[in-house]
Amino acid sequence: MSGPAKTAALIPAAGLGTRLGQGPKAFLDLNGLTLLARSVTALAPHVDEVVVALPQGYALPENIRARAITGGATRQASVLALLRVTDAEVVLIHDAARPFLPPEVIAGVRRAAAETGAATAALSVADTLVRGQSQASPPLWGELTLREGLWAVQTPQGFRRELLLAAHLEAERDGIQATDDAGLVARLGLPVALVPGDARLFKVTTPGDLILARALAHLWDAEDAS
């Protein structure tokens, strides 16, 4: 009888954080721990290995228990490089810029990926959505979009490794750049399960996001310590 499928967490963290302007985003500090350290710590108990793609010339600090490779020029290239250096049957792709990762979300994505082949954490959209008329500055209110059935995609995303690798290779051949890995799988006409995410699992992208993350880090760490 075969045992559980080997699972790897793959973290593309080779971005230089140009929008924040404070160096590689993964190394920003939140209450004594970097975004990357928080992501690795959250994922490590649920997988057999963690592999991180870093910018050229960077190395993992000694307190982060993971394997590191040099990432590519884009997030998509970094994920493809990560897929090529693991022999895991199942992979979880997670953005280091989402440091507040609850264990129940990880478990849900793993379970759905095993059943469907591909899954992503996501939140149903609660806000009113409108398409702006971009020819104006600032943009003007354009077409209203119904929010029913709409989901905001988060990470982690889970896949059978061979399925995701095939999706990446086909995208590379076709010159396609996607904003996430689930989009590449969906492009092949394959199903992707939507797993309820968490509002705290927001992506640190702007200076405002960083302020919120540093405030949340104190509450998050206090809850973990209790």
C-alpha atoms as a PDB file:
ATOM      1  CA  MET A   1       0.000   0.000   0.000  1.00  0.00           C
ATOM      2  CA  SER A   2       1.406   3.388  -0.968  1.00  0.00           C
ATOM      3  CA  GLY A   3       1.844   6.047   1.700  1.00  0.00           C
ATOM      4  CA  PRO A   4       0.708   9.665   1.644  1.00  0.00           C
ATOM      5  CA  ALA A   5       1.806  11.677  -1.366  1.00  0.00           C
ATOM      6  CA  LYS A   6       4.986  13.665  -0.841  1.00  0.00           C
ATOM      7  CA  THR A   7       4.055  17.329  -0.585  1.00  0.00           C
ATOM      8  CA  ALA A   8       6.231  20.420  -1.030  1.00  0.00           C
ATOM      9  CA  ALA A   9       5.510  24.058  -0.308  1.00  0.00           C
ATOM     10  CA  LEU A  10       7.004  26.280  -3.003  1.00  0.00           C
ATOM     11  CA  ILE A  11       7.403  29.983  -2.264  1.00  0.00           C
ATOM     12  CA  PRO A  12       8.297  32.347  -5.138  1.00  0.00           C
ATOM     13  CA  ALA A  13      10.008  35.204  -3.277  1.00  0.00           C
ATOM     14  CA  ALA A  14      12.347  36.601  -5.921  1.00  0.00           C
ATOM     15  CA  GLY A  15      10.542  39.914  -6.347  1.00  0.00           C
ATOM     16  CA  LEU A  16      12.429  43.102  -5.526  1.00  0.00           C
ATOM     17  CA  GLY A  17       9.479  44.925  -3.933  1.00  0.00           C
ATOM     18  CA  THR A  18       9.689  47.948  -6.213  1.00  0.00           C
ATOM     19  CA  ARG A  19       6.249  49.287  -5.228  1.00  0.00           C
ATOM     20  CA  LEU A  20       7.233  49.392  -1.559  1.00  0.00           C
ATOM     21  CA  GLY A  21      10.745  50.620  -2.276  1.00  0.00           C
ATOM     22  CA  GLN A  22      12.261  48.869   0.779  1.00  0.00           C
ATOM     23  CA  GLY A  23      14.163  46.043  -0.888  1.00  0.00           C
ATOM     24  CA  PRO A  24      12.899  42.486  -1.462  1.00  0.00           C
ATOM     25  CA  LYS A  25       9.457  42.310   0.095  1.00  0.00           C
ATOM     26  CA  ALA A  26       9.952  38.820   1.537  1.00  0.00           C
ATOM     27  CA  PHE A  27      12.618  40.162   3.917  1.00  0.00           C
ATOM     28  CA  LEU A  28      10.517  42.963   5.424  1.00  0.00           C
ATOM     29  CA  ASP A  29      10.143  42.693   9.192  1.00  0.00           C
ATOM     30  CA  LEU A  30       6.826  42.271  10.971  1.00  0.00           C
ATOM     31  CA  ASN A  31       7.213  42.260  14.755  1.00  0.00           C
ATOM     32  CA  GLY A  32      10.592  40.507  14.657  1.00  0.00           C
ATOM     33  CA  LEU A  33       9.825  38.030  11.865  1.00  0.00           C
ATOM     34  CA  THR A  34      10.081  38.572   8.118  1.00  0.00           C
ATOM     35  CA  LEU A  35       7.200  37.924   5.762  1.00  0.00           C
ATOM     36  CA  LEU A  36       9.149  34.957   4.408  1.00  0.00           C
ATOM     37  CA  ALA A  37       9.849  33.501   7.853  1.00  0.00           C
ATOM     38  CA  ARG A  38       6.168  33.719   8.738  1.00  0.00           C
ATOM     39  CA  SER A  39       5.132  31.929   5.549  1.00  0.00           C
ATOM     40  CA  VAL A  40       7.724  29.167   5.973  1.00  0.00           C
ATOM     41  CA  THR A  41       6.773  28.675   9.628  1.00  0.00           C
ATOM     42  CA  ALA A  42       3.091  28.361   8.722  1.00  0.00           C
ATOM     43  CA  LEU A  43       3.643  25.875   5.895  1.00  0.00           C
ATOM     44  CA  ALA A  44       6.444  23.669   7.238  1.00  0.00           C
ATOM     45  CA  PRO A  45       4.319  21.530   9.615  1.00  0.00           C
ATOM     46  CA  HIS A  46       1.997  20.560   6.745  1.00  0.00           C
ATOM     47  CA  VAL A  47       4.521  19.502   4.078  1.00  0.00           C
ATOM     48  CA  ASP A  48       7.601  17.341   3.563  1.00  0.00           C
ATOM     49  CA  GLU A  49       9.791  20.198   2.348  1.00  0.00           C
ATOM     50  CA  VAL A  50       9.739  23.943   1.747  1.00  0.00           C
ATOM     51  CA  VAL A  51      11.617  25.397  -1.225  1.00  0.00           C
ATOM     52  CA  VAL A  52      11.999  29.145  -1.731  1.00  0.00           C
ATOM     53  CA  ALA A  53      12.999  31.087  -4.855  1.00  0.00           C
ATOM     54  CA  LEU A  54      15.082  34.143  -3.907  1.00  0.00           C
ATOM     55  CA  PRO A  55      16.480  37.102  -5.860  1.00  0.00           C
ATOM     56  CA  GLN A  56      19.934  36.714  -7.377  1.00  0.00           C
ATOM     57  CA  GLY A  57      22.601  37.182  -4.723  1.00  0.00           C
ATOM     58  CA  TYR A  58      20.331  36.558  -1.726  1.00  0.00           C
ATOM     59  CA  ALA A  59      20.485  33.659   0.740  1.00  0.00           C
ATOM     60  CA  LEU A  60      18.124  32.361   3.392  1.00  0.00           C
ATOM     61  CA  PRO A  61      18.829  33.466   6.956  1.00  0.00           C
ATOM     62  CA  GLU A  62      19.925  30.595   9.206  1.00  0.00           C
ATOM     63  CA  ASN A  63      16.678  30.683  11.192  1.00  0.00           C
ATOM     64  CA  ILE A  64      14.537  29.823   8.149  1.00  0.00           C
ATOM     65  CA  ARG A  65      14.369  26.062   7.647  1.00  0.00           C
ATOM     66  CA  ALA A  66      13.914  25.712   3.910  1.00  0.00           C
ATOM     67  CA  ARG A  67      15.859  25.020   0.732  1.00  0.00           C
ATOM     68  CA  ALA A  68      16.605  27.968  -1.550  1.00  0.00           C
ATOM     69  CA  ILE A  69      17.124  28.425  -5.269  1.00  0.00           C
ATOM     70  CA  THR A  70      17.618  31.526  -7.405  1.00  0.00           C
ATOM     71  CA  GLY A  71      14.328  32.690  -8.886  1.00  0.00           C
ATOM     72  CA  GLY A  72      13.526  33.954 -12.357  1.00  0.00           C
ATOM     73  CA  ALA A  73      12.775  37.359 -13.820  1.00  0.00           C
ATOM     74  CA  THR A  74       9.037  36.904 -13.221  1.00  0.00           C
ATOM     75  CA  ARG A  75       6.923  35.147 -10.627  1.00  0.00           C
ATOM     76  CA  GLN A  76       5.852  32.635 -13.270  1.00  0.00           C
ATOM     77  CA  ALA A  77       9.478  31.845 -14.115  1.00  0.00           C
ATOM     78  CA  SER A  78      10.274  31.388 -10.424  1.00  0.00           C
ATOM     79  CA  VAL A  79       7.424  28.913  -9.941  1.00  0.00           C
ATOM     80  CA  LEU A  80       8.538  26.917 -12.968  1.00  0.00           C
ATOM     81  CA  ALA A  81      12.075  26.782 -11.561  1.00  0.00           C
ATOM     82  CA  LEU A  82      10.697  25.603  -8.207  1.00  0.00           C
ATOM     83  CA  LEU A  83       8.633  22.880  -9.876  1.00  0.00           C
ATOM     84  CA  ARG A  84      11.752  21.588 -11.584  1.00  0.00           C
ATOM     85  CA  VAL A  85      13.757  21.127  -8.356  1.00  0.00           C
ATOM     86  CA  THR A  86      11.238  19.097  -6.343  1.00  0.00           C
ATOM     87  CA  ASP A  87      10.073  15.521  -6.794  1.00  0.00           C
ATOM     88  CA  ALA A  88       6.965  16.035  -4.675  1.00  0.00           C
ATOM     89  CA  GLU A  89       3.711  14.646  -6.033  1.00  0.00           C
ATOM     90  CA  VAL A  90       1.669  17.523  -4.602  1.00  0.00           C
ATOM     91  CA  VAL A  91       2.786  21.152  -4.391  1.00  0.00           C
ATOM     92  CA  LEU A  92       1.428  24.141  -2.507  1.00  0.00           C
ATOM     93  CA  ILE A  93       2.338  27.481  -4.093  1.00  0.00           C
ATOM     94  CA  HIS A  94       2.267  30.392  -1.673  1.00  0.00           C
ATOM     95  CA  ASP A  95       3.220  34.054  -1.928  1.00  0.00           C
ATOM     96  CA  ALA A  96       5.519  35.174   0.884  1.00  0.00           C
ATOM     97  CA  ALA A  97       3.709  38.521   0.725  1.00  0.00           C
ATOM     98  CA  ARG A  98       0.722  36.807   2.409  1.00  0.00           C
ATOM     99  CA  PRO A  99       2.303  36.179   5.840  1.00  0.00           C
ATOM    100  CA  PHE A 100      -0.814  35.481   7.925  1.00  0.00           C
ATOM    101  CA  LEU A 101      -1.681  31.946   6.851  1.00  0.00           C
ATOM    102  CA  PRO A 102      -4.113  29.982   9.042  1.00  0.00           C
ATOM    103  CA  PRO A 103      -3.563  26.199   9.290  1.00  0.00           C
ATOM    104  CA  GLU A 104      -7.180  25.455   8.379  1.00  0.00           C
ATOM    105  CA  VAL A 105      -6.719  27.182   5.013  1.00  0.00           C
ATOM    106  CA  ILE A 106      -3.626  25.084   4.283  1.00  0.00           C
ATOM    107  CA  ALA A 107      -5.495  21.898   5.215  1.00  0.00           C
ATOM    108  CA  GLY A 108      -8.478  22.877   3.083  1.00  0.00           C
ATOM    109  CA  VAL A 109      -6.361  23.581   0.002  1.00  0.00           C
ATOM    110  CA  ARG A 110      -4.410  20.318   0.422  1.00  0.00           C
ATOM    111  CA  ARG A 111      -7.606  18.325   0.745  1.00  0.00           C
ATOM    112  CA  ALA A 112      -9.270  19.956  -2.276  1.00  0.00           C
ATOM    113  CA  ALA A 113      -6.131  19.592  -4.407  1.00  0.00           C
ATOM    114  CA  ALA A 114      -6.024  15.867  -3.624  1.00  0.00           C
ATOM    115  CA  GLU A 115      -9.659  15.508  -4.691  1.00  0.00           C
ATOM    116  CA  THR A 116      -9.702  17.824  -7.725  1.00  0.00           C
ATOM    117  CA  GLY A 117      -6.083  18.111  -8.840  1.00  0.00           C
ATOM    118  CA  ALA A 118      -6.023  21.890  -8.428  1.00  0.00           C
ATOM    119  CA  ALA A 119      -7.340  24.221  -5.733  1.00  0.00           C
ATOM    120  CA  THR A 120      -6.890  27.744  -4.463  1.00  0.00           C
ATOM    121  CA  ALA A 121      -7.773  29.707  -1.385  1.00  0.00           C
ATOM    122  CA  ALA A 122     -10.254  32.443  -2.261  1.00  0.00           C
ATOM    123  CA  LEU A 123     -12.695  34.871  -0.658  1.00  0.00           C
ATOM    124  CA  SER A 124     -16.156  35.637  -1.975  1.00  0.00           C
ATOM    125  CA  VAL A 125     -16.320  39.312  -2.944  1.00  0.00           C
ATOM    126  CA  ALA A 126     -18.270  41.489  -0.517  1.00  0.00           C
ATOM    127  CA  ASP A 127     -17.635  44.933  -2.019  1.00  0.00           C
ATOM    128  CA  THR A 128     -19.580  46.641  -4.783  1.00  0.00           C
ATOM    129  CA  LEU A 129     -17.527  46.383  -7.962  1.00  0.00           C
ATOM    130  CA  VAL A 130     -17.433  48.915 -10.766  1.00  0.00           C
ATOM    131  CA  ARG A 131     -15.328  49.098 -13.924  1.00  0.00           C
ATOM    132  CA  GLY A 132     -13.652  52.494 -14.115  1.00  0.00           C
ATOM    133  CA  GLN A 133     -13.483  54.523 -17.301  1.00  0.00           C
ATOM    134  CA  SER A 134      -9.716  54.587 -17.538  1.00  0.00           C
ATOM    135  CA  GLN A 135      -9.524  57.279 -20.208  1.00  0.00           C
ATOM    136  CA  ALA A 136     -10.333  59.823 -17.514  1.00  0.00           C
ATOM    137  CA  SER A 137      -7.974  60.919 -14.733  1.00  0.00           C
ATOM    138  CA  PRO A 138      -9.033  60.075 -12.106  1.00  0.00           C
ATOM    139  CA  PRO A 139     -11.102  57.253 -13.650  1.00  0.00           C
ATOM    140  CA  LEU A 140     -14.864  57.787 -13.696  1.00  0.00           C
ATOM    141  CA  TRP A 141     -17.574  55.386 -12.545  1.00  0.00           C
ATOM    142  CA  GLY A 142     -18.310  53.045 -15.433  1.00  0.00           C
ATOM    143  CA  GLU A 143     -20.152  49.750 -15.686  1.00  0.00           C
ATOM    144  CA  LEU A 144     -21.382  48.190 -12.424  1.00  0.00           C
ATOM    145  CA  THR A 145     -20.433  44.531 -11.995  1.00  0.00           C
ATOM    146  CA  LEU A 146     -22.609  42.165  -9.990  1.00  0.00           C
ATOM    147  CA  ARG A 147     -20.576  40.629  -7.173  1.00  0.00           C
ATOM    148  CA  GLU A 148     -22.644  37.448  -6.874  1.00  0.00           C
ATOM    149  CA  GLY A 149     -20.453  34.450  -7.683  1.00  0.00           C
ATOM    150  CA  LEU A 150     -17.225  36.489  -7.758  1.00  0.00           C
ATOM    151  CA  TRP A 151     -14.201  35.396  -5.719  1.00  0.00           C
ATOM    152  CA  ALA A 152     -10.916  37.152  -4.879  1.00  0.00           C
ATOM    153  CA  VAL A 153      -8.098  34.666  -5.363  1.00  0.00           C
ATOM    154  CA  GLN A 154      -5.524  34.165  -2.606  1.00  0.00           C
ATOM    155  CA  THR A 155      -2.760  31.664  -1.923  1.00  0.00           C
ATOM    156  CA  PRO A 156      -1.839  28.958  -1.099  1.00  0.00           C
ATOM    157  CA  GLN A 157      -2.810  27.134  -4.246  1.00  0.00           C
ATOM    158  CA  GLY A 158      -2.437  23.361  -4.379  1.00  0.00           C
ATOM    159  CA  PHE A 159      -1.819  21.091  -7.352  1.00  0.00           C
ATOM    160  CA  ARG A 160      -0.668  17.728  -8.482  1.00  0.00           C
ATOM    161  CA  ARG A 161       2.848  18.677  -9.521  1.00  0.00           C
ATOM    162  CA  GLU A 162       2.744  17.078 -12.973  1.00  0.00           C
ATOM    163  CA  LEU A 163      -0.493  18.899 -13.795  1.00  0.00           C
ATOM    164  CA  LEU A 164       0.902  22.298 -12.818  1.00  0.00           C
ATOM    165  CA  LEU A 165       4.198  21.628 -14.586  1.00  0.00           C
ATOM    166  CA  ALA A 166       2.325  20.802 -17.804  1.00  0.00           C
ATOM    167  CA  ALA A 167       0.286  24.010 -17.460  1.00  0.00           C
ATOM    168  CA  HIS A 168       3.448  26.074 -17.000  1.00  0.00           C
ATOM    169  CA  LEU A 169       5.233  24.483 -19.937  1.00  0.00           C
ATOM    170  CA  GLU A 170       2.266  25.087 -22.234  1.00  0.00           C
ATOM    171  CA  ALA A 171       2.042  28.716 -21.090  1.00  0.00           C
ATOM    172  CA  GLU A 172       5.778  29.111 -21.746  1.00  0.00           C
ATOM    173  CA  ARG A 173       5.368  27.732 -25.270  1.00  0.00           C
ATOM    174  CA  ASP A 174       2.431  30.044 -25.949  1.00  0.00           C
ATOM    175  CA  GLY A 175       4.055  33.150 -24.456  1.00  0.00           C
ATOM    176  CA  ILE A 176       1.326  33.467 -21.801  1.00  0.00           C
ATOM    177  CA  GLN A 177       1.852  35.331 -18.524  1.00  0.00           C
ATOM    178  CA  ALA A 178      -0.746  34.700 -15.799  1.00  0.00           C
ATOM    179  CA  THR A 179      -1.232  36.419 -12.461  1.00  0.00           C
ATOM    180  CA  ASP A 180      -1.325  33.103 -10.628  1.00  0.00           C
ATOM    181  CA  ASP A 181      -0.863  29.384 -11.133  1.00  0.00           C
ATOM    182  CA  ALA A 182      -4.516  28.398 -10.879  1.00  0.00           C
ATOM    183  CA  GLY A 183      -5.151  30.588 -13.906  1.00  0.00           C
ATOM    184  CA  LEU A 184      -2.696  28.529 -15.944  1.00  0.00           C
ATOM    185  CA  VAL A 185      -4.452  25.303 -14.992  1.00  0.00           C
ATOM    186  CA  ALA A 186      -7.900  26.776 -15.705  1.00  0.00           C
ATOM    187  CA  ARG A 187      -6.562  27.872 -19.107  1.00  0.00           C
ATOM    188  CA  LEU A 188      -6.251  24.184 -19.998  1.00  0.00           C
ATOM    189  CA  GLY A 189      -9.946  23.698 -19.298  1.00  0.00           C
ATOM    190  CA  LEU A 190      -9.283  21.808 -16.061  1.00  0.00           C
ATOM    191  CA  PRO A 191     -11.253  22.362 -12.841  1.00  0.00           C
ATOM    192  CA  VAL A 192      -9.857  24.418  -9.964  1.00  0.00           C
ATOM    193  CA  ALA A 193     -11.583  24.113  -6.590  1.00  0.00           C
ATOM    194  CA  LEU A 194     -12.241  27.297  -4.606  1.00  0.00           C
ATOM    195  CA  VAL A 195     -11.452  26.850  -0.905  1.00  0.00           C
ATOM    196  CA  PRO A 196     -12.633  29.493   1.601  1.00  0.00           C
ATOM    197  CA  GLY A 197      -9.658  31.684   2.472  1.00  0.00           C
ATOM    198  CA  ASP A 198      -9.271  34.256   5.218  1.00  0.00           C
ATOM    199  CA  ALA A 199      -9.529  38.051   5.300  1.00  0.00           C
ATOM    200  CA  ARG A 200      -6.223  38.178   7.206  1.00  0.00           C
ATOM    201  CA  LEU A 201      -4.530  36.474   4.281  1.00  0.00           C
ATOM    202  CA  PHE A 202      -4.192  39.747   2.366  1.00  0.00           C
ATOM    203  CA  LYS A 203      -1.201  40.476   0.161  1.00  0.00           C
ATOM    204  CA  VAL A 204       1.317  43.075   1.325  1.00  0.00           C
ATOM    205  CA  THR A 205       1.781  45.191  -1.802  1.00  0.00           C
ATOM    206  CA  THR A 206       1.494  48.888  -0.916  1.00  0.00           C
ATOM    207  CA  PRO A 207       2.778  51.011   1.991  1.00  0.00           C
ATOM    208  CA  GLY A 208      -0.761  50.972   3.405  1.00  0.00           C
ATOM    209  CA  ASP A 209      -0.775  47.160   3.353  1.00  0.00           C
ATOM    210  CA  LEU A 210       2.511  47.148   5.262  1.00  0.00           C
ATOM    211  CA  ILE A 211       1.089  49.399   7.979  1.00  0.00           C
ATOM    212  CA  LEU A 212      -1.879  47.037   8.379  1.00  0.00           C
ATOM    213  CA  ALA A 213       0.396  43.990   8.415  1.00  0.00           C
ATOM    214  CA  ARG A 214       2.625  45.407  11.139  1.00  0.00           C
ATOM    215  CA  ALA A 215      -0.431  46.170  13.260  1.00  0.00           C
ATOM    216  CA  LEU A 216      -1.915  42.719  12.692  1.00  0.00           C
ATOM    217  CA  ALA A 217       1.395  40.984  13.463  1.00  0.00           C
ATOM    218  CA  HIS A 218       1.149  41.930  17.153  1.00  0.00           C
ATOM    219  CA  LEU A 219      -2.364  40.496  17.435  1.00  0.00           C
ATOM    220  CA  TRP A 220      -1.462  37.394  15.410  1.00  0.00           C
ATOM    221  CA  ASP A 221       1.598  36.648  17.534  1.00  0.00           C
ATOM    222  CA  ALA A 222      -0.279  37.235  20.792  1.00  0.00           C
ATOM    223  CA  GLU A 223      -2.940  34.758  19.688  1.00  0.00           C
ATOM    224  CA  ASP A 224      -0.294  32.150  18.804  1.00  0.00           C
ATOM    225  CA  ALA A 225       1.365  32.599  22.188  1.00  0.00           C
ATOM    226  CA  SER A 226      -1.870  32.142  24.148  1.00  0.00           C
END
